[in-house]
Amino acid sequence: MTLIKYSKRALADLESIYLTIFKDKKSVADNFINKIDNYIALLELNPFMGKDCRKKGFKKDCRVIIYDAHYMIFYKITTQYITIQRVVNTKQNYKG
């Protein structure tokens, strides 16, 4: 099983998502972040469940999964880790 780690940028993305939800729905923010973390944890069992970024039009060497139809989770697989690189809202104009 490959361990998951988060880049600083991904942690900042999650914090921003949390704070945005917290402003509107304080009771939902913790629950939402827990659910997205649980979804990301599925990568430990199936690291290739995401699509190759290039097949989705991104010019990066990574993979991407979609959470809740609103968040793109970009990650990279190495021999030791699955590194979560970014967590981006699908409404953002992101071509990273």
PDB file of N, CA and C in Angstrom:
ATOM      1  N   MET A   1       0.845  -1.180   0.000  1.00  0.00           N
ATOM      2  CA  MET A   1       0.000   0.000   0.000  1.00  0.00           C
ATOM      3  C   MET A   1       0.894   1.249   0.000  1.00  0.00           C
ATOM      4  N   THR A   2       0.604   2.173  -0.863  1.00  0.00           N
ATOM      5  CA  THR A   2       1.355   3.414  -0.982  1.00  0.00           C
ATOM      6  C   THR A   2       0.746   4.470  -0.070  1.00  0.00           C
ATOM      7  N   LEU A   3       1.599   5.178   0.647  1.00  0.00           N
ATOM      8  CA  LEU A   3       1.125   6.214   1.564  1.00  0.00           C
ATOM      9  C   LEU A   3       0.775   7.492   0.816  1.00  0.00           C
ATOM     10  N   ILE A   4      -0.160   8.224   1.382  1.00  0.00           N
ATOM     11  CA  ILE A   4      -0.584   9.499   0.794  1.00  0.00           C
ATOM     12  C   ILE A   4       0.043  10.636   1.581  1.00  0.00           C
ATOM     13  N   LYS A   5       0.571  11.600   0.842  1.00  0.00           N
ATOM     14  CA  LYS A   5       1.024  12.841   1.472  1.00  0.00           C
ATOM     15  C   LYS A   5       0.474  14.010   0.661  1.00  0.00           C
ATOM     16  N   TYR A   6       0.417  15.161   1.286  1.00  0.00           N
ATOM     17  CA  TYR A   6      -0.152  16.361   0.673  1.00  0.00           C
ATOM     18  C   TYR A   6       0.938  17.397   0.466  1.00  0.00           C
ATOM     19  N   SER A   7       0.949  18.007  -0.714  1.00  0.00           N
ATOM     20  CA  SER A   7       1.862  19.130  -0.946  1.00  0.00           C
ATOM     21  C   SER A   7       1.354  20.333  -0.149  1.00  0.00           C
ATOM     22  N   LYS A   8       2.230  21.304   0.039  1.00  0.00           N
ATOM     23  CA  LYS A   8       1.818  22.539   0.726  1.00  0.00           C
ATOM     24  C   LYS A   8       0.678  23.219  -0.025  1.00  0.00           C
ATOM     25  N   ARG A   9       0.761  23.159  -1.339  1.00  0.00           N
ATOM     26  CA  ARG A   9      -0.277  23.796  -2.168  1.00  0.00           C
ATOM     27  C   ARG A   9      -1.627  23.101  -1.980  1.00  0.00           C
ATOM     28  N   ALA A  10      -1.629  21.769  -1.913  1.00  0.00           N
ATOM     29  CA  ALA A  10      -2.871  21.028  -1.709  1.00  0.00           C
ATOM     30  C   ALA A  10      -3.460  21.328  -0.328  1.00  0.00           C
ATOM     31  N   LEU A  11      -2.603  21.423   0.682  1.00  0.00           N
ATOM     32  CA  LEU A  11      -3.091  21.769   2.024  1.00  0.00           C
ATOM     33  C   LEU A  11      -3.696  23.168   2.037  1.00  0.00           C
ATOM     34  N   ALA A  12      -3.076  24.085   1.316  1.00  0.00           N
ATOM     35  CA  ALA A  12      -3.628  25.441   1.215  1.00  0.00           C
ATOM     36  C   ALA A  12      -4.965  25.422   0.478  1.00  0.00           C
ATOM     37  N   ASP A  13      -5.067  24.586  -0.563  1.00  0.00           N
ATOM     38  CA  ASP A  13      -6.335  24.448  -1.291  1.00  0.00           C
ATOM     39  C   ASP A  13      -7.435  23.953  -0.352  1.00  0.00           C
ATOM     40  N   LEU A  14      -7.127  22.921   0.436  1.00  0.00           N
ATOM     41  CA  LEU A  14      -8.124  22.367   1.354  1.00  0.00           C
ATOM     42  C   LEU A  14      -8.522  23.376   2.435  1.00  0.00           C
ATOM     43  N   GLU A  15      -7.554  24.130   2.909  1.00  0.00           N
ATOM     44  CA  GLU A  15      -7.860  25.158   3.904  1.00  0.00           C
ATOM     45  C   GLU A  15      -8.784  26.222   3.310  1.00  0.00           C
ATOM     46  N   SER A  16      -8.518  26.628   2.086  1.00  0.00           N
ATOM     47  CA  SER A  16      -9.358  27.617   1.409  1.00  0.00           C
ATOM     48  C   SER A  16     -10.781  27.086   1.213  1.00  0.00           C
ATOM     49  N   ILE A  17     -10.888  25.825   0.792  1.00  0.00           N
ATOM     50  CA  ILE A  17     -12.209  25.206   0.626  1.00  0.00           C
ATOM     51  C   ILE A  17     -12.943  25.186   1.961  1.00  0.00           C
ATOM     52  N   TYR A  18     -12.231  24.781   3.008  1.00  0.00           N
ATOM     53  CA  TYR A  18     -12.829  24.719   4.341  1.00  0.00           C
ATOM     54  C   TYR A  18     -13.352  26.089   4.774  1.00  0.00           C
ATOM     55  N   LEU A  19     -12.515  27.107   4.637  1.00  0.00           N
ATOM     56  CA  LEU A  19     -12.906  28.455   5.076  1.00  0.00           C
ATOM     57  C   LEU A  19     -14.080  28.992   4.271  1.00  0.00           C
ATOM     58  N   THR A  20     -14.119  28.680   2.975  1.00  0.00           N
ATOM     59  CA  THR A  20     -15.235  29.121   2.141  1.00  0.00           C
ATOM     60  C   THR A  20     -16.540  28.487   2.605  1.00  0.00           C
ATOM     61  N   ILE A  21     -16.507  27.192   2.870  1.00  0.00           N
ATOM     62  CA  ILE A  21     -17.711  26.499   3.341  1.00  0.00           C
ATOM     63  C   ILE A  21     -18.075  26.971   4.741  1.00  0.00           C
ATOM     64  N   PHE A  22     -17.069  27.156   5.582  1.00  0.00           N
ATOM     65  CA  PHE A  22     -17.282  27.574   6.973  1.00  0.00           C
ATOM     66  C   PHE A  22     -18.031  28.902   7.061  1.00  0.00           C
ATOM     67  N   LYS A  23     -17.739  29.820   6.131  1.00  0.00           N
ATOM     68  CA  LYS A  23     -18.420  31.125   6.118  1.00  0.00           C
ATOM     69  C   LYS A  23     -19.924  30.974   5.939  1.00  0.00           C
ATOM     70  N   ASP A  24     -20.321  30.039   5.083  1.00  0.00           N
ATOM     71  CA  ASP A  24     -21.737  29.867   4.769  1.00  0.00           C
ATOM     72  C   ASP A  24     -22.424  28.818   5.630  1.00  0.00           C
ATOM     73  N   LYS A  25     -21.733  27.730   5.890  1.00  0.00           N
ATOM     74  CA  LYS A  25     -22.338  26.590   6.580  1.00  0.00           C
ATOM     75  C   LYS A  25     -21.348  26.003   7.569  1.00  0.00           C
ATOM     76  N   LYS A  26     -21.251  26.625   8.715  1.00  0.00           N
ATOM     77  CA  LYS A  26     -20.258  26.221   9.705  1.00  0.00           C
ATOM     78  C   LYS A  26     -20.352  24.747  10.059  1.00  0.00           C
ATOM     79  N   SER A  27     -21.558  24.242  10.167  1.00  0.00           N
ATOM     80  CA  SER A  27     -21.745  22.851  10.581  1.00  0.00           C
ATOM     81  C   SER A  27     -21.344  21.850   9.491  1.00  0.00           C
ATOM     82  N   VAL A  28     -21.221  22.295   8.260  1.00  0.00           N
ATOM     83  CA  VAL A  28     -20.923  21.407   7.138  1.00  0.00           C
ATOM     84  C   VAL A  28     -19.421  21.325   6.844  1.00  0.00           C
ATOM     85  N   ALA A  29     -18.669  22.329   7.206  1.00  0.00           N
ATOM     86  CA  ALA A  29     -17.263  22.434   6.796  1.00  0.00           C
ATOM     87  C   ALA A  29     -16.422  21.236   7.237  1.00  0.00           C
ATOM     88  N   ASP A  30     -16.470  20.872   8.522  1.00  0.00           N
ATOM     89  CA  ASP A  30     -15.678  19.727   9.003  1.00  0.00           C
ATOM     90  C   ASP A  30     -16.082  18.448   8.295  1.00  0.00           C
ATOM     91  N   ASN A  31     -17.371  18.236   8.174  1.00  0.00           N
ATOM     92  CA  ASN A  31     -17.881  17.024   7.541  1.00  0.00           C
ATOM     93  C   ASN A  31     -17.420  16.929   6.085  1.00  0.00           C
ATOM     94  N   PHE A  32     -17.453  18.034   5.369  1.00  0.00           N
ATOM     95  CA  PHE A  32     -17.052  18.029   3.967  1.00  0.00           C
ATOM     96  C   PHE A  32     -15.574  17.670   3.823  1.00  0.00           C
ATOM     97  N   ILE A  33     -14.719  18.291   4.629  1.00  0.00           N
ATOM     98  CA  ILE A  33     -13.283  18.012   4.548  1.00  0.00           C
ATOM     99  C   ILE A  33     -13.004  16.555   4.921  1.00  0.00           C
ATOM    100  N   ASN A  34     -13.717  16.024   5.907  1.00  0.00           N
ATOM    101  CA  ASN A  34     -13.548  14.608   6.260  1.00  0.00           C
ATOM    102  C   ASN A  34     -13.934  13.704   5.092  1.00  0.00           C
ATOM    103  N   LYS A  35     -15.007  14.040   4.405  1.00  0.00           N
ATOM    104  CA  LYS A  35     -15.441  13.228   3.264  1.00  0.00           C
ATOM    105  C   LYS A  35     -14.432  13.277   2.121  1.00  0.00           C
ATOM    106  N   ILE A  36     -13.894  14.444   1.843  1.00  0.00           N
ATOM    107  CA  ILE A  36     -12.917  14.544   0.756  1.00  0.00           C
ATOM    108  C   ILE A  36     -11.629  13.798   1.137  1.00  0.00           C
ATOM    109  N   ASP A  37     -11.231  13.855   2.414  1.00  0.00           N
ATOM    110  CA  ASP A  37     -10.066  13.096   2.876  1.00  0.00           C
ATOM    111  C   ASP A  37     -10.301  11.590   2.740  1.00  0.00           C
ATOM    112  N   ASN A  38     -11.491  11.143   3.076  1.00  0.00           N
ATOM    113  CA  ASN A  38     -11.825   9.723   2.935  1.00  0.00           C
ATOM    114  C   ASN A  38     -11.800   9.295   1.470  1.00  0.00           C
ATOM    115  N   TYR A  39     -12.268  10.166   0.596  1.00  0.00           N
ATOM    116  CA  TYR A  39     -12.232   9.873  -0.836  1.00  0.00           C
ATOM    117  C   TYR A  39     -10.787   9.753  -1.327  1.00  0.00           C
ATOM    118  N   ILE A  40      -9.955  10.687  -0.908  1.00  0.00           N
ATOM    119  CA  ILE A  40      -8.547  10.658  -1.282  1.00  0.00           C
ATOM    120  C   ILE A  40      -7.880   9.385  -0.744  1.00  0.00           C
ATOM    121  N   ALA A  41      -8.267   8.942   0.441  1.00  0.00           N
ATOM    122  CA  ALA A  41      -7.696   7.731   1.036  1.00  0.00           C
ATOM    123  C   ALA A  41      -7.935   6.499   0.168  1.00  0.00           C
ATOM    124  N   LEU A  42      -8.963   6.511  -0.658  1.00  0.00           N
ATOM    125  CA  LEU A  42      -9.220   5.389  -1.573  1.00  0.00           C
ATOM    126  C   LEU A  42      -8.055   5.160  -2.529  1.00  0.00           C
ATOM    127  N   LEU A  43      -7.276   6.200  -2.765  1.00  0.00           N
ATOM    128  CA  LEU A  43      -6.117   6.070  -3.652  1.00  0.00           C
ATOM    129  C   LEU A  43      -5.084   5.092  -3.103  1.00  0.00           C
ATOM    130  N   GLU A  44      -5.055   4.909  -1.786  1.00  0.00           N
ATOM    131  CA  GLU A  44      -4.121   3.943  -1.201  1.00  0.00           C
ATOM    132  C   GLU A  44      -4.398   2.539  -1.732  1.00  0.00           C
ATOM    133  N   LEU A  45      -5.654   2.222  -1.935  1.00  0.00           N
ATOM    134  CA  LEU A  45      -6.036   0.902  -2.428  1.00  0.00           C
ATOM    135  C   LEU A  45      -6.002   0.813  -3.946  1.00  0.00           C
ATOM    136  N   ASN A  46      -6.268   1.922  -4.612  1.00  0.00           N
ATOM    137  CA  ASN A  46      -6.331   1.931  -6.069  1.00  0.00           C
ATOM    138  C   ASN A  46      -5.736   3.238  -6.603  1.00  0.00           C
ATOM    139  N   PRO A  47      -4.417   3.342  -6.622  1.00  0.00           N
ATOM    140  CA  PRO A  47      -3.788   4.603  -7.027  1.00  0.00           C
ATOM    141  C   PRO A  47      -4.053   5.007  -8.477  1.00  0.00           C
ATOM    142  N   PHE A  48      -4.454   4.057  -9.303  1.00  0.00           N
ATOM    143  CA  PHE A  48      -4.682   4.372 -10.709  1.00  0.00           C
ATOM    144  C   PHE A  48      -6.156   4.614 -11.029  1.00  0.00           C
ATOM    145  N   MET A  49      -6.965   4.911 -10.004  1.00  0.00           N
ATOM    146  CA  MET A  49      -8.390   5.154 -10.255  1.00  0.00           C
ATOM    147  C   MET A  49      -8.626   6.476 -10.991  1.00  0.00           C
ATOM    148  N   GLY A  50      -7.673   7.382 -10.915  1.00  0.00           N
ATOM    149  CA  GLY A  50      -7.801   8.645 -11.630  1.00  0.00           C
ATOM    150  C   GLY A  50      -7.353   8.521 -13.081  1.00  0.00           C
ATOM    151  N   LYS A  51      -7.657   9.533 -13.843  1.00  0.00           N
ATOM    152  CA  LYS A  51      -7.278   9.594 -15.262  1.00  0.00           C
ATOM    153  C   LYS A  51      -5.945  10.311 -15.415  1.00  0.00           C
ATOM    154  N   ASP A  52      -5.208   9.943 -16.431  1.00  0.00           N
ATOM    155  CA  ASP A  52      -3.980  10.636 -16.766  1.00  0.00           C
ATOM    156  C   ASP A  52      -4.330  12.088 -17.096  1.00  0.00           C
ATOM    157  N   CYS A  53      -3.625  13.026 -16.508  1.00  0.00           N
ATOM    158  CA  CYS A  53      -3.916  14.452 -16.706  1.00  0.00           C
ATOM    159  C   CYS A  53      -3.894  14.855 -18.174  1.00  0.00           C
ATOM    160  N   ARG A  54      -2.979  14.279 -18.941  1.00  0.00           N
ATOM    161  CA  ARG A  54      -2.876  14.645 -20.354  1.00  0.00           C
ATOM    162  C   ARG A  54      -4.131  14.251 -21.129  1.00  0.00           C
ATOM    163  N   LYS A  55      -4.791  13.181 -20.708  1.00  0.00           N
ATOM    164  CA  LYS A  55      -6.026  12.763 -21.373  1.00  0.00           C
ATOM    165  C   LYS A  55      -7.183  13.700 -21.054  1.00  0.00           C
ATOM    166  N   LYS A  56      -7.010  14.510 -20.020  1.00  0.00           N
ATOM    167  CA  LYS A  56      -8.029  15.485 -19.636  1.00  0.00           C
ATOM    168  C   LYS A  56      -7.663  16.899 -20.081  1.00  0.00           C
ATOM    169  N   GLY A  57      -6.606  17.013 -20.883  1.00  0.00           N
ATOM    170  CA  GLY A  57      -6.241  18.315 -21.432  1.00  0.00           C
ATOM    171  C   GLY A  57      -5.251  19.102 -20.599  1.00  0.00           C
ATOM    172  N   PHE A  58      -4.690  18.492 -19.564  1.00  0.00           N
ATOM    173  CA  PHE A  58      -3.695  19.170 -18.736  1.00  0.00           C
ATOM    174  C   PHE A  58      -2.307  18.742 -19.187  1.00  0.00           C
ATOM    175  N   LYS A  59      -1.387  19.670 -19.208  1.00  0.00           N
ATOM    176  CA  LYS A  59      -0.033  19.390 -19.691  1.00  0.00           C
ATOM    177  C   LYS A  59       0.897  19.055 -18.530  1.00  0.00           C
ATOM    178  N   LYS A  60       0.434  18.196 -17.648  1.00  0.00           N
ATOM    179  CA  LYS A  60       1.224  17.819 -16.478  1.00  0.00           C
ATOM    180  C   LYS A  60       1.337  16.307 -16.419  1.00  0.00           C
ATOM    181  N   ASP A  61       2.406  15.858 -15.814  1.00  0.00           N
ATOM    182  CA  ASP A  61       2.594  14.438 -15.564  1.00  0.00           C
ATOM    183  C   ASP A  61       1.956  14.119 -14.217  1.00  0.00           C
ATOM    184  N   CYS A  62       0.679  13.817 -14.241  1.00  0.00           N
ATOM    185  CA  CYS A  62      -0.054  13.539 -13.015  1.00  0.00           C
ATOM    186  C   CYS A  62      -1.318  12.757 -13.355  1.00  0.00           C
ATOM    187  N   ARG A  63      -2.109  12.519 -12.349  1.00  0.00           N
ATOM    188  CA  ARG A  63      -3.420  11.898 -12.528  1.00  0.00           C
ATOM    189  C   ARG A  63      -4.427  12.812 -11.840  1.00  0.00           C
ATOM    190  N   VAL A  64      -5.698  12.659 -12.207  1.00  0.00           N
ATOM    191  CA  VAL A  64      -6.740  13.502 -11.626  1.00  0.00           C
ATOM    192  C   VAL A  64      -7.987  12.663 -11.361  1.00  0.00           C
ATOM    193  N   ILE A  65      -8.594  12.908 -10.195  1.00  0.00           N
ATOM    194  CA  ILE A  65      -9.894  12.327  -9.877  1.00  0.00           C
ATOM    195  C   ILE A  65     -10.844  13.479  -9.568  1.00  0.00           C
ATOM    196  N   ILE A  66     -12.113  13.215  -9.754  1.00  0.00           N
ATOM    197  CA  ILE A  66     -13.139  14.230  -9.479  1.00  0.00           C
ATOM    198  C   ILE A  66     -13.900  13.810  -8.230  1.00  0.00           C
ATOM    199  N   TYR A  67     -14.063  14.749  -7.318  1.00  0.00           N
ATOM    200  CA  TYR A  67     -14.844  14.500  -6.109  1.00  0.00           C
ATOM    201  C   TYR A  67     -16.112  15.337  -6.140  1.00  0.00           C
ATOM    202  N   ASP A  68     -17.222  14.707  -5.924  1.00  0.00           N
ATOM    203  CA  ASP A  68     -18.514  15.389  -5.764  1.00  0.00           C
ATOM    204  C   ASP A  68     -18.853  16.291  -6.961  1.00  0.00           C
ATOM    205  N   ALA A  69     -18.337  15.954  -8.121  1.00  0.00           N
ATOM    206  CA  ALA A  69     -18.572  16.675  -9.375  1.00  0.00           C
ATOM    207  C   ALA A  69     -18.108  18.135  -9.336  1.00  0.00           C
ATOM    208  N   HIS A  70     -17.466  18.552  -8.255  1.00  0.00           N
ATOM    209  CA  HIS A  70     -17.076  19.954  -8.129  1.00  0.00           C
ATOM    210  C   HIS A  70     -15.595  20.182  -7.837  1.00  0.00           C
ATOM    211  N   TYR A  71     -14.860  19.115  -7.545  1.00  0.00           N
ATOM    212  CA  TYR A  71     -13.454  19.284  -7.168  1.00  0.00           C
ATOM    213  C   TYR A  71     -12.560  18.323  -7.931  1.00  0.00           C
ATOM    214  N   MET A  72     -11.512  18.882  -8.538  1.00  0.00           N
ATOM    215  CA  MET A  72     -10.496  18.075  -9.212  1.00  0.00           C
ATOM    216  C   MET A  72      -9.346  17.880  -8.227  1.00  0.00           C
ATOM    217  N   ILE A  73      -8.962  16.633  -8.034  1.00  0.00           N
ATOM    218  CA  ILE A  73      -7.857  16.307  -7.140  1.00  0.00           C
ATOM    219  C   ILE A  73      -6.717  15.789  -8.008  1.00  0.00           C
ATOM    220  N   PHE A  74      -5.644  16.574  -8.069  1.00  0.00           N
ATOM    221  CA  PHE A  74      -4.485  16.225  -8.870  1.00  0.00           C
ATOM    222  C   PHE A  74      -3.462  15.527  -7.984  1.00  0.00           C
ATOM    223  N   TYR A  75      -2.919  14.422  -8.473  1.00  0.00           N
ATOM    224  CA  TYR A  75      -1.950  13.691  -7.679  1.00  0.00           C
ATOM    225  C   TYR A  75      -0.904  13.037  -8.563  1.00  0.00           C
ATOM    226  N   LYS A  76       0.199  12.690  -7.934  1.00  0.00           N
ATOM    227  CA  LYS A  76       1.297  12.042  -8.641  1.00  0.00           C
ATOM    228  C   LYS A  76       1.687  10.793  -7.857  1.00  0.00           C
ATOM    229  N   ILE A  77       1.960   9.724  -8.588  1.00  0.00           N
ATOM    230  CA  ILE A  77       2.332   8.457  -7.977  1.00  0.00           C
ATOM    231  C   ILE A  77       3.834   8.250  -8.127  1.00  0.00           C
ATOM    232  N   THR A  78       4.489   7.961  -7.004  1.00  0.00           N
ATOM    233  CA  THR A  78       5.889   7.550  -7.032  1.00  0.00           C
ATOM    234  C   THR A  78       5.967   6.188  -6.343  1.00  0.00           C
ATOM    235  N   THR A  79       7.167   5.643  -6.243  1.00  0.00           N
ATOM    236  CA  THR A  79       7.301   4.328  -5.622  1.00  0.00           C
ATOM    237  C   THR A  79       6.971   4.354  -4.132  1.00  0.00           C
ATOM    238  N   GLN A  80       7.147   5.493  -3.482  1.00  0.00           N
ATOM    239  CA  GLN A  80       6.910   5.575  -2.043  1.00  0.00           C
ATOM    240  C   GLN A  80       5.603   6.262  -1.657  1.00  0.00           C
ATOM    241  N   TYR A  81       5.150   7.194  -2.469  1.00  0.00           N
ATOM    242  CA  TYR A  81       4.016   8.025  -2.078  1.00  0.00           C
ATOM    243  C   TYR A  81       3.045   8.278  -3.226  1.00  0.00           C
ATOM    244  N   ILE A  82       1.857   8.623  -2.808  1.00  0.00           N
ATOM    245  CA  ILE A  82       0.904   9.302  -3.689  1.00  0.00           C
ATOM    246  C   ILE A  82       0.858  10.717  -3.142  1.00  0.00           C
ATOM    247  N   THR A  83       1.313  11.653  -3.928  1.00  0.00           N
ATOM    248  CA  THR A  83       1.350  13.041  -3.467  1.00  0.00           C
ATOM    249  C   THR A  83       0.173  13.795  -4.048  1.00  0.00           C
ATOM    250  N   ILE A  84      -0.675  14.311  -3.174  1.00  0.00           N
ATOM    251  CA  ILE A  84      -1.793  15.149  -3.595  1.00  0.00           C
ATOM    252  C   ILE A  84      -1.195  16.519  -3.893  1.00  0.00           C
ATOM    253  N   GLN A  85      -1.309  16.934  -5.148  1.00  0.00           N
ATOM    254  CA  GLN A  85      -0.668  18.171  -5.581  1.00  0.00           C
ATOM    255  C   GLN A  85      -1.596  19.384  -5.468  1.00  0.00           C
ATOM    256  N   ARG A  86      -2.841  19.208  -5.861  1.00  0.00           N
ATOM    257  CA  ARG A  86      -3.821  20.310  -5.829  1.00  0.00           C
ATOM    258  C   ARG A  86      -5.209  19.746  -5.609  1.00  0.00           C
ATOM    259  N   VAL A  87      -6.080  20.561  -5.027  1.00  0.00           N
ATOM    260  CA  VAL A  87      -7.514  20.280  -4.923  1.00  0.00           C
ATOM    261  C   VAL A  87      -8.204  21.557  -5.386  1.00  0.00           C
ATOM    262  N   VAL A  88      -8.807  21.494  -6.583  1.00  0.00           N
ATOM    263  CA  VAL A  88      -9.284  22.699  -7.258  1.00  0.00           C
ATOM    264  C   VAL A  88     -10.760  22.553  -7.614  1.00  0.00           C
ATOM    265  N   ASN A  89     -11.514  23.604  -7.397  1.00  0.00           N
ATOM    266  CA  ASN A  89     -12.922  23.617  -7.787  1.00  0.00           C
ATOM    267  C   ASN A  89     -13.015  23.558  -9.307  1.00  0.00           C
ATOM    268  N   THR A  90     -13.936  22.752  -9.816  1.00  0.00           N
ATOM    269  CA  THR A  90     -14.082  22.603 -11.272  1.00  0.00           C
ATOM    270  C   THR A  90     -14.550  23.888 -11.940  1.00  0.00           C
ATOM    271  N   LYS A  91     -15.091  24.814 -11.167  1.00  0.00           N
ATOM    272  CA  LYS A  91     -15.540  26.087 -11.743  1.00  0.00           C
ATOM    273  C   LYS A  91     -14.397  27.062 -11.959  1.00  0.00           C
ATOM    274  N   GLN A  92     -13.247  26.769 -11.361  1.00  0.00           N
ATOM    275  CA  GLN A  92     -12.079  27.605 -11.559  1.00  0.00           C
ATOM    276  C   GLN A  92     -11.520  27.375 -12.951  1.00  0.00           C
ATOM    277  N   ASN A  93     -10.940  28.394 -13.521  1.00  0.00           N
ATOM    278  CA  ASN A  93     -10.283  28.255 -14.814  1.00  0.00           C
ATOM    279  C   ASN A  93      -8.865  27.762 -14.546  1.00  0.00           C
ATOM    280  N   TYR A  94      -8.750  26.462 -14.355  1.00  0.00           N
ATOM    281  CA  TYR A  94      -7.473  25.880 -13.964  1.00  0.00           C
ATOM    282  C   TYR A  94      -6.921  25.039 -15.100  1.00  0.00           C
ATOM    283  N   LYS A  95      -5.730  25.351 -15.555  1.00  0.00           N
ATOM    284  CA  LYS A  95      -5.062  24.568 -16.592  1.00  0.00           C
ATOM    285  C   LYS A  95      -3.659  24.192 -16.134  1.00  0.00           C
ATOM    286  N   GLY A  96      -3.414  24.240 -14.818  1.00  0.00           N
ATOM    287  CA  GLY A  96      -2.182  24.025 -14.142  1.00  0.00           C
ATOM    288  C   GLY A  96      -1.168  23.169 -14.669  1.00  0.00           C
TER     289      GLY A  96
END
